[in-house]
């Protein structure tokens, strides 16, 4: 069984608006609905769990109404298993989602973690992650660093030059063996988990075997207004070609 855990608990403060970025409407739909459509329609995704504040859950469900008309007779949204409560930080939100997923999934099953603010997720990327996780404890899509990377101990002066060929930027979605990943997060409770910034960090700290696969530059996260404008332009261009 493969369960997609969609993280939608963020507040989107860097956008400078009251509506969290994942709920901004683009082309008449909230941003979160775009990745949900891809996940819910993927043949290898068996269930979807969403981390979201209760005040936004109706917005999510409303955005999913468009999926009822995809030719599947409304069957695809039935993969939605429920909502989980956001945590104090991103990783605690993940942990809450994992706890709920474990109520209906097996320890050996796979959890695929994705950000609601990454709307351009492709079916090919999902397939690549799930294919690659076989024989490993987890999979992380990565992008190579294009710029020279420097290390600074004080944030003022350059301390050393890092070897760019060995430095990678992590993306989403990330796939993990549910039981092992849950245990890795449990080890960080209650305080250390609050210092975690990336989904794969607990797995690495726990010694899990994490494979890397090529990421997708188009699968960017909407964080700033410039990102939002880029997404809008991509959709407009795509609609114009249709």
C-alpha atoms as a PDB file:
ATOM      1  CA  UNK A   1       0.000   0.000   0.000  1.00  0.00           C
ATOM      2  CA  UNK A   2       1.191   3.522  -0.835  1.00  0.00           C
ATOM      3  CA  UNK A   3      -0.199   6.509   1.053  1.00  0.00           C
ATOM      4  CA  UNK A   4       0.495  10.078  -0.035  1.00  0.00           C
ATOM      5  CA  UNK A   5       0.882  12.502   2.852  1.00  0.00           C
ATOM      6  CA  UNK A   6       0.196  16.042   1.631  1.00  0.00           C
ATOM      7  CA  UNK A   7       1.475  18.847   3.836  1.00  0.00           C
ATOM      8  CA  UNK A   8      -0.868  21.823   3.808  1.00  0.00           C
ATOM      9  CA  UNK A   9      -0.498  23.239   7.302  1.00  0.00           C
ATOM     10  CA  UNK A  10       1.796  26.157   6.446  1.00  0.00           C
ATOM     11  CA  UNK A  11       0.737  29.772   6.831  1.00  0.00           C
ATOM     12  CA  UNK A  12       2.615  31.175   3.839  1.00  0.00           C
ATOM     13  CA  UNK A  13       3.821  34.305   5.661  1.00  0.00           C
ATOM     14  CA  UNK A  14       6.483  35.089   3.062  1.00  0.00           C
ATOM     15  CA  UNK A  15       3.754  35.821   0.530  1.00  0.00           C
ATOM     16  CA  UNK A  16       2.662  38.861   2.550  1.00  0.00           C
ATOM     17  CA  UNK A  17      -1.057  37.987   2.354  1.00  0.00           C
ATOM     18  CA  UNK A  18      -3.611  36.542   4.760  1.00  0.00           C
ATOM     19  CA  UNK A  19      -4.486  33.455   2.706  1.00  0.00           C
ATOM     20  CA  UNK A  20      -1.929  30.649   2.944  1.00  0.00           C
ATOM     21  CA  UNK A  21      -0.325  30.200  -0.470  1.00  0.00           C
ATOM     22  CA  UNK A  22      -1.661  26.675  -0.999  1.00  0.00           C
ATOM     23  CA  UNK A  23      -5.239  28.006  -0.884  1.00  0.00           C
ATOM     24  CA  UNK A  24      -4.811  30.887  -3.318  1.00  0.00           C
ATOM     25  CA  UNK A  25      -7.001  30.312  -6.355  1.00  0.00           C
ATOM     26  CA  UNK A  26      -5.335  30.021  -9.741  1.00  0.00           C
ATOM     27  CA  UNK A  27      -7.531  29.376 -12.766  1.00  0.00           C
ATOM     28  CA  UNK A  28     -10.520  29.028 -10.428  1.00  0.00           C
ATOM     29  CA  UNK A  29      -8.932  26.345  -8.231  1.00  0.00           C
ATOM     30  CA  UNK A  30      -6.905  26.436  -4.997  1.00  0.00           C
ATOM     31  CA  UNK A  31      -3.243  25.666  -5.582  1.00  0.00           C
ATOM     32  CA  UNK A  32      -3.395  22.498  -3.452  1.00  0.00           C
ATOM     33  CA  UNK A  33      -5.922  20.955  -5.846  1.00  0.00           C
ATOM     34  CA  UNK A  34      -3.322  20.636  -8.594  1.00  0.00           C
ATOM     35  CA  UNK A  35      -1.011  18.236  -6.768  1.00  0.00           C
ATOM     36  CA  UNK A  36      -4.022  16.445  -5.276  1.00  0.00           C
ATOM     37  CA  UNK A  37      -5.388  15.779  -8.739  1.00  0.00           C
ATOM     38  CA  UNK A  38      -2.087  14.181  -9.764  1.00  0.00           C
ATOM     39  CA  UNK A  39      -1.821  12.089  -6.607  1.00  0.00           C
ATOM     40  CA  UNK A  40      -5.448  10.946  -6.507  1.00  0.00           C
ATOM     41  CA  UNK A  41      -5.422   9.899 -10.145  1.00  0.00           C
ATOM     42  CA  UNK A  42      -2.130   7.984  -9.967  1.00  0.00           C
ATOM     43  CA  UNK A  43      -2.659   4.233 -10.169  1.00  0.00           C
ATOM     44  CA  UNK A  44       0.068   3.478  -7.605  1.00  0.00           C
ATOM     45  CA  UNK A  45      -1.336   5.788  -4.920  1.00  0.00           C
ATOM     46  CA  UNK A  46      -3.808   3.897  -2.748  1.00  0.00           C
ATOM     47  CA  UNK A  47      -4.657   6.557  -0.168  1.00  0.00           C
ATOM     48  CA  UNK A  48      -4.164  10.245   0.550  1.00  0.00           C
ATOM     49  CA  UNK A  49      -3.847  11.854   3.984  1.00  0.00           C
ATOM     50  CA  UNK A  50      -3.771  15.656   4.261  1.00  0.00           C
ATOM     51  CA  UNK A  51      -2.288  17.761   7.049  1.00  0.00           C
ATOM     52  CA  UNK A  52      -4.400  20.914   7.219  1.00  0.00           C
ATOM     53  CA  UNK A  53      -5.859  23.324   9.729  1.00  0.00           C
ATOM     54  CA  UNK A  54      -9.596  22.655  10.285  1.00  0.00           C
ATOM     55  CA  UNK A  55     -10.521  26.132   9.014  1.00  0.00           C
ATOM     56  CA  UNK A  56      -9.196  25.290   5.536  1.00  0.00           C
ATOM     57  CA  UNK A  57     -10.499  21.752   5.112  1.00  0.00           C
ATOM     58  CA  UNK A  58     -13.726  22.818   3.421  1.00  0.00           C
ATOM     59  CA  UNK A  59     -11.647  24.812   0.948  1.00  0.00           C
ATOM     60  CA  UNK A  60      -9.678  21.687   0.141  1.00  0.00           C
ATOM     61  CA  UNK A  61     -12.777  19.575  -0.299  1.00  0.00           C
ATOM     62  CA  UNK A  62     -14.338  22.263  -2.468  1.00  0.00           C
ATOM     63  CA  UNK A  63     -11.257  22.314  -4.667  1.00  0.00           C
ATOM     64  CA  UNK A  64     -11.532  18.562  -5.093  1.00  0.00           C
ATOM     65  CA  UNK A  65     -15.038  18.792  -6.513  1.00  0.00           C
ATOM     66  CA  UNK A  66     -13.536  19.327  -9.957  1.00  0.00           C
ATOM     67  CA  UNK A  67     -12.028  15.851  -9.702  1.00  0.00           C
ATOM     68  CA  UNK A  68     -15.496  14.354  -9.612  1.00  0.00           C
ATOM     69  CA  UNK A  69     -15.812  15.084 -13.313  1.00  0.00           C
ATOM     70  CA  UNK A  70     -12.650  13.315 -14.445  1.00  0.00           C
ATOM     71  CA  UNK A  71     -14.456  10.395 -16.032  1.00  0.00           C
ATOM     72  CA  UNK A  72     -14.074   8.116 -13.025  1.00  0.00           C
ATOM     73  CA  UNK A  73     -17.544   8.635 -11.646  1.00  0.00           C
ATOM     74  CA  UNK A  74     -16.212  10.349  -8.551  1.00  0.00           C
ATOM     75  CA  UNK A  75     -14.214   7.278  -7.516  1.00  0.00           C
ATOM     76  CA  UNK A  76     -10.798   8.950  -7.391  1.00  0.00           C
ATOM     77  CA  UNK A  77     -11.520  11.286  -4.437  1.00  0.00           C
ATOM     78  CA  UNK A  78     -12.516   8.235  -2.395  1.00  0.00           C
ATOM     79  CA  UNK A  79      -8.781   7.703  -1.921  1.00  0.00           C
ATOM     80  CA  UNK A  80      -8.851  10.589   0.541  1.00  0.00           C
ATOM     81  CA  UNK A  81      -8.626   8.902   3.938  1.00  0.00           C
ATOM     82  CA  UNK A  82      -8.770  11.958   6.146  1.00  0.00           C
ATOM     83  CA  UNK A  83      -7.116  15.032   7.634  1.00  0.00           C
ATOM     84  CA  UNK A  84      -4.399  15.354  10.245  1.00  0.00           C
ATOM     85  CA  UNK A  85      -3.691  18.251  12.596  1.00  0.00           C
ATOM     86  CA  UNK A  86      -0.757  20.554  11.836  1.00  0.00           C
ATOM     87  CA  UNK A  87       2.118  20.518  14.295  1.00  0.00           C
ATOM     88  CA  UNK A  88       4.307  23.233  15.787  1.00  0.00           C
ATOM     89  CA  UNK A  89       6.637  22.896  12.807  1.00  0.00           C
ATOM     90  CA  UNK A  90       6.695  21.059   9.480  1.00  0.00           C
ATOM     91  CA  UNK A  91       8.197  17.864  10.873  1.00  0.00           C
ATOM     92  CA  UNK A  92       5.674  17.619  13.693  1.00  0.00           C
ATOM     93  CA  UNK A  93       2.962  17.989  11.054  1.00  0.00           C
ATOM     94  CA  UNK A  94       4.513  15.031   9.262  1.00  0.00           C
ATOM     95  CA  UNK A  95       4.611  13.080  12.516  1.00  0.00           C
ATOM     96  CA  UNK A  96       0.914  13.717  13.128  1.00  0.00           C
ATOM     97  CA  UNK A  97       0.181  12.492   9.616  1.00  0.00           C
ATOM     98  CA  UNK A  98       2.270   9.370  10.160  1.00  0.00           C
ATOM     99  CA  UNK A  99       0.394   8.560  13.356  1.00  0.00           C
ATOM    100  CA  UNK A 100      -2.928   8.711  11.502  1.00  0.00           C
ATOM    101  CA  UNK A 101      -1.650   6.718   8.522  1.00  0.00           C
ATOM    102  CA  UNK A 102      -0.450   3.939  10.829  1.00  0.00           C
ATOM    103  CA  UNK A 103      -4.081   3.397  11.859  1.00  0.00           C
ATOM    104  CA  UNK A 104      -4.850   1.889   8.451  1.00  0.00           C
ATOM    105  CA  UNK A 105      -1.473   1.067   6.850  1.00  0.00           C
ATOM    106  CA  UNK A 106       1.164  -1.581   7.537  1.00  0.00           C
ATOM    107  CA  UNK A 107       4.666  -0.857   8.819  1.00  0.00           C
ATOM    108  CA  UNK A 108       6.147  -2.170   5.568  1.00  0.00           C
ATOM    109  CA  UNK A 109       3.967   0.117   3.424  1.00  0.00           C
ATOM    110  CA  UNK A 110       5.252   3.254   1.718  1.00  0.00           C
ATOM    111  CA  UNK A 111       4.460   6.866   2.601  1.00  0.00           C
ATOM    112  CA  UNK A 112       5.016   9.496  -0.084  1.00  0.00           C
ATOM    113  CA  UNK A 113       5.403  12.989   1.384  1.00  0.00           C
ATOM    114  CA  UNK A 114       4.604  16.033  -0.745  1.00  0.00           C
ATOM    115  CA  UNK A 115       4.080  19.769  -0.256  1.00  0.00           C
ATOM    116  CA  UNK A 116       0.723  21.281  -1.154  1.00  0.00           C
ATOM    117  CA  UNK A 117       2.627  24.317  -2.439  1.00  0.00           C
ATOM    118  CA  UNK A 118       4.345  22.225  -5.145  1.00  0.00           C
ATOM    119  CA  UNK A 119       1.457  22.114  -7.650  1.00  0.00           C
ATOM    120  CA  UNK A 120       3.407  20.928 -10.712  1.00  0.00           C
ATOM    121  CA  UNK A 121       4.025  17.405  -9.460  1.00  0.00           C
ATOM    122  CA  UNK A 122       3.985  14.943 -12.353  1.00  0.00           C
ATOM    123  CA  UNK A 123       2.832  11.349 -12.536  1.00  0.00           C
ATOM    124  CA  UNK A 124       6.286  10.438 -13.856  1.00  0.00           C
ATOM    125  CA  UNK A 125       7.954  11.804 -10.713  1.00  0.00           C
ATOM    126  CA  UNK A 126       5.604   9.820  -8.476  1.00  0.00           C
ATOM    127  CA  UNK A 127       6.336   6.669 -10.458  1.00  0.00           C
ATOM    128  CA  UNK A 128      10.087   7.299 -10.340  1.00  0.00           C
ATOM    129  CA  UNK A 129      10.016   7.654  -6.548  1.00  0.00           C
ATOM    130  CA  UNK A 130       7.952   4.524  -6.001  1.00  0.00           C
ATOM    131  CA  UNK A 131      10.041   2.462  -8.417  1.00  0.00           C
ATOM    132  CA  UNK A 132      13.296   3.593  -6.821  1.00  0.00           C
ATOM    133  CA  UNK A 133      12.280   2.929  -3.213  1.00  0.00           C
ATOM    134  CA  UNK A 134      12.332  -0.834  -3.812  1.00  0.00           C
ATOM    135  CA  UNK A 135      15.332  -2.240  -1.949  1.00  0.00           C
ATOM    136  CA  UNK A 136      15.859   0.975   0.046  1.00  0.00           C
ATOM    137  CA  UNK A 137      14.397   2.608   3.146  1.00  0.00           C
ATOM    138  CA  UNK A 138      13.572   5.778   1.270  1.00  0.00           C
ATOM    139  CA  UNK A 139      14.022   7.906  -1.835  1.00  0.00           C
ATOM    140  CA  UNK A 140      14.827  11.589  -2.270  1.00  0.00           C
ATOM    141  CA  UNK A 141      14.615  13.501  -5.590  1.00  0.00           C
ATOM    142  CA  UNK A 142      17.534  15.927  -5.874  1.00  0.00           C
ATOM    143  CA  UNK A 143      18.806  18.676  -8.128  1.00  0.00           C
ATOM    144  CA  UNK A 144      22.520  19.326  -8.706  1.00  0.00           C
ATOM    145  CA  UNK A 145      23.920  22.644  -7.545  1.00  0.00           C
ATOM    146  CA  UNK A 146      24.485  25.054 -10.426  1.00  0.00           C
ATOM    147  CA  UNK A 147      26.293  27.737  -8.462  1.00  0.00           C
ATOM    148  CA  UNK A 148      29.562  27.584  -6.571  1.00  0.00           C
ATOM    149  CA  UNK A 149      28.780  26.774  -2.928  1.00  0.00           C
ATOM    150  CA  UNK A 150      30.644  28.322   0.003  1.00  0.00           C
ATOM    151  CA  UNK A 151      30.673  27.496   3.714  1.00  0.00           C
ATOM    152  CA  UNK A 152      30.819  30.183   6.378  1.00  0.00           C
ATOM    153  CA  UNK A 153      31.106  29.560  10.102  1.00  0.00           C
ATOM    154  CA  UNK A 154      29.982  33.057  11.103  1.00  0.00           C
ATOM    155  CA  UNK A 155      27.845  34.122   8.146  1.00  0.00           C
ATOM    156  CA  UNK A 156      30.192  37.025   7.468  1.00  0.00           C
ATOM    157  CA  UNK A 157      33.342  35.541   5.957  1.00  0.00           C
ATOM    158  CA  UNK A 158      33.914  32.563   3.678  1.00  0.00           C
ATOM    159  CA  UNK A 159      35.391  29.680   5.650  1.00  0.00           C
ATOM    160  CA  UNK A 160      35.768  27.124   2.865  1.00  0.00           C
ATOM    161  CA  UNK A 161      34.664  26.115  -0.626  1.00  0.00           C
ATOM    162  CA  UNK A 162      32.387  23.095  -0.863  1.00  0.00           C
ATOM    163  CA  UNK A 163      32.730  20.572  -3.662  1.00  0.00           C
ATOM    164  CA  UNK A 164      29.765  21.432  -5.860  1.00  0.00           C
ATOM    165  CA  UNK A 165      29.654  18.002  -7.537  1.00  0.00           C
ATOM    166  CA  UNK A 166      28.836  16.444  -4.172  1.00  0.00           C
ATOM    167  CA  UNK A 167      26.188  18.930  -3.061  1.00  0.00           C
ATOM    168  CA  UNK A 168      22.527  18.436  -3.965  1.00  0.00           C
ATOM    169  CA  UNK A 169      19.263  20.269  -3.292  1.00  0.00           C
ATOM    170  CA  UNK A 170      16.471  18.060  -2.012  1.00  0.00           C
ATOM    171  CA  UNK A 171      12.968  18.157  -3.480  1.00  0.00           C
ATOM    172  CA  UNK A 172       9.611  16.503  -2.920  1.00  0.00           C
ATOM    173  CA  UNK A 173       7.952  14.066  -3.011  1.00  0.00           C
ATOM    174  CA  UNK A 174      10.022  11.865  -0.730  1.00  0.00           C
ATOM    175  CA  UNK A 175       9.149   8.202  -0.225  1.00  0.00           C
ATOM    176  CA  UNK A 176       9.853   6.160   2.903  1.00  0.00           C
ATOM    177  CA  UNK A 177       9.108   2.789   4.423  1.00  0.00           C
ATOM    178  CA  UNK A 178       6.406   3.809   6.873  1.00  0.00           C
ATOM    179  CA  UNK A 179       7.497   1.897   9.994  1.00  0.00           C
ATOM    180  CA  UNK A 180      11.174   2.790   9.771  1.00  0.00           C
ATOM    181  CA  UNK A 181      10.451   6.426   9.056  1.00  0.00           C
ATOM    182  CA  UNK A 182       7.970   6.659  11.930  1.00  0.00           C
ATOM    183  CA  UNK A 183      10.561   5.209  14.305  1.00  0.00           C
ATOM    184  CA  UNK A 184      13.168   7.676  13.019  1.00  0.00           C
ATOM    185  CA  UNK A 185      10.857  10.571  13.858  1.00  0.00           C
ATOM    186  CA  UNK A 186       9.894   9.138  17.228  1.00  0.00           C
ATOM    187  CA  UNK A 187      13.563   9.171  18.261  1.00  0.00           C
ATOM    188  CA  UNK A 188      13.604  12.950  17.848  1.00  0.00           C
ATOM    189  CA  UNK A 189      10.714  13.652  20.221  1.00  0.00           C
ATOM    190  CA  UNK A 190       9.981  15.877  21.992  1.00  0.00           C
ATOM    191  CA  UNK A 191      12.509  18.684  21.368  1.00  0.00           C
ATOM    192  CA  UNK A 192      14.913  17.728  18.591  1.00  0.00           C
ATOM    193  CA  UNK A 193      12.138  17.264  16.042  1.00  0.00           C
ATOM    194  CA  UNK A 194      11.466  21.018  16.305  1.00  0.00           C
ATOM    195  CA  UNK A 195      14.898  21.660  14.754  1.00  0.00           C
ATOM    196  CA  UNK A 196      14.244  19.557  11.644  1.00  0.00           C
ATOM    197  CA  UNK A 197      13.794  21.433   8.372  1.00  0.00           C
ATOM    198  CA  UNK A 198      13.695  18.702   5.730  1.00  0.00           C
ATOM    199  CA  UNK A 199      11.601  15.521   5.564  1.00  0.00           C
ATOM    200  CA  UNK A 200      14.615  13.308   4.914  1.00  0.00           C
ATOM    201  CA  UNK A 201      16.661  14.614   7.862  1.00  0.00           C
ATOM    202  CA  UNK A 202      15.157  12.204  10.445  1.00  0.00           C
ATOM    203  CA  UNK A 203      15.834   9.287   8.093  1.00  0.00           C
ATOM    204  CA  UNK A 204      19.476  10.278   7.666  1.00  0.00           C
ATOM    205  CA  UNK A 205      19.959  10.868  11.390  1.00  0.00           C
ATOM    206  CA  UNK A 206      18.519   7.410  12.049  1.00  0.00           C
ATOM    207  CA  UNK A 207      20.843   5.719   9.550  1.00  0.00           C
ATOM    208  CA  UNK A 208      18.157   4.762   7.044  1.00  0.00           C
ATOM    209  CA  UNK A 209      19.244   3.834   3.518  1.00  0.00           C
ATOM    210  CA  UNK A 210      18.064   6.727   1.346  1.00  0.00           C
ATOM    211  CA  UNK A 211      18.544   6.574  -2.422  1.00  0.00           C
ATOM    212  CA  UNK A 212      18.707   9.676  -4.629  1.00  0.00           C
ATOM    213  CA  UNK A 213      16.984  10.098  -7.978  1.00  0.00           C
ATOM    214  CA  UNK A 214      17.008  13.043 -10.421  1.00  0.00           C
ATOM    215  CA  UNK A 215      14.571  15.771  -9.423  1.00  0.00           C
ATOM    216  CA  UNK A 216      12.434  17.996 -11.635  1.00  0.00           C
ATOM    217  CA  UNK A 217      13.189  21.720 -11.888  1.00  0.00           C
ATOM    218  CA  UNK A 218       9.581  22.306 -12.897  1.00  0.00           C
ATOM    219  CA  UNK A 219       8.391  20.872  -9.587  1.00  0.00           C
ATOM    220  CA  UNK A 220       9.160  24.082  -7.709  1.00  0.00           C
ATOM    221  CA  UNK A 221       7.640  25.197  -4.431  1.00  0.00           C
ATOM    222  CA  UNK A 222       5.533  28.354  -4.378  1.00  0.00           C
ATOM    223  CA  UNK A 223       7.073  30.466  -1.638  1.00  0.00           C
ATOM    224  CA  UNK A 224       7.185  34.035  -2.965  1.00  0.00           C
ATOM    225  CA  UNK A 225       4.973  36.202  -5.166  1.00  0.00           C
ATOM    226  CA  UNK A 226       7.456  35.619  -7.991  1.00  0.00           C
ATOM    227  CA  UNK A 227       6.894  31.856  -7.659  1.00  0.00           C
ATOM    228  CA  UNK A 228       3.133  32.390  -7.789  1.00  0.00           C
ATOM    229  CA  UNK A 229       3.445  34.518 -10.925  1.00  0.00           C
ATOM    230  CA  UNK A 230       5.629  31.849 -12.529  1.00  0.00           C
ATOM    231  CA  UNK A 231       2.996  29.203 -11.809  1.00  0.00           C
ATOM    232  CA  UNK A 232       0.239  31.396 -13.217  1.00  0.00           C
ATOM    233  CA  UNK A 233       2.262  31.992 -16.384  1.00  0.00           C
ATOM    234  CA  UNK A 234       2.877  28.257 -16.834  1.00  0.00           C
ATOM    235  CA  UNK A 235      -0.836  27.475 -16.532  1.00  0.00           C
ATOM    236  CA  UNK A 236      -1.797  30.304 -18.872  1.00  0.00           C
ATOM    237  CA  UNK A 237       0.681  29.102 -21.481  1.00  0.00           C
ATOM    238  CA  UNK A 238      -0.554  25.530 -21.102  1.00  0.00           C
ATOM    239  CA  UNK A 239      -4.180  26.598 -21.509  1.00  0.00           C
ATOM    240  CA  UNK A 240      -3.236  28.613 -24.565  1.00  0.00           C
ATOM    241  CA  UNK A 241      -1.760  25.516 -26.221  1.00  0.00           C
ATOM    242  CA  UNK A 242      -4.793  23.380 -25.404  1.00  0.00           C
END
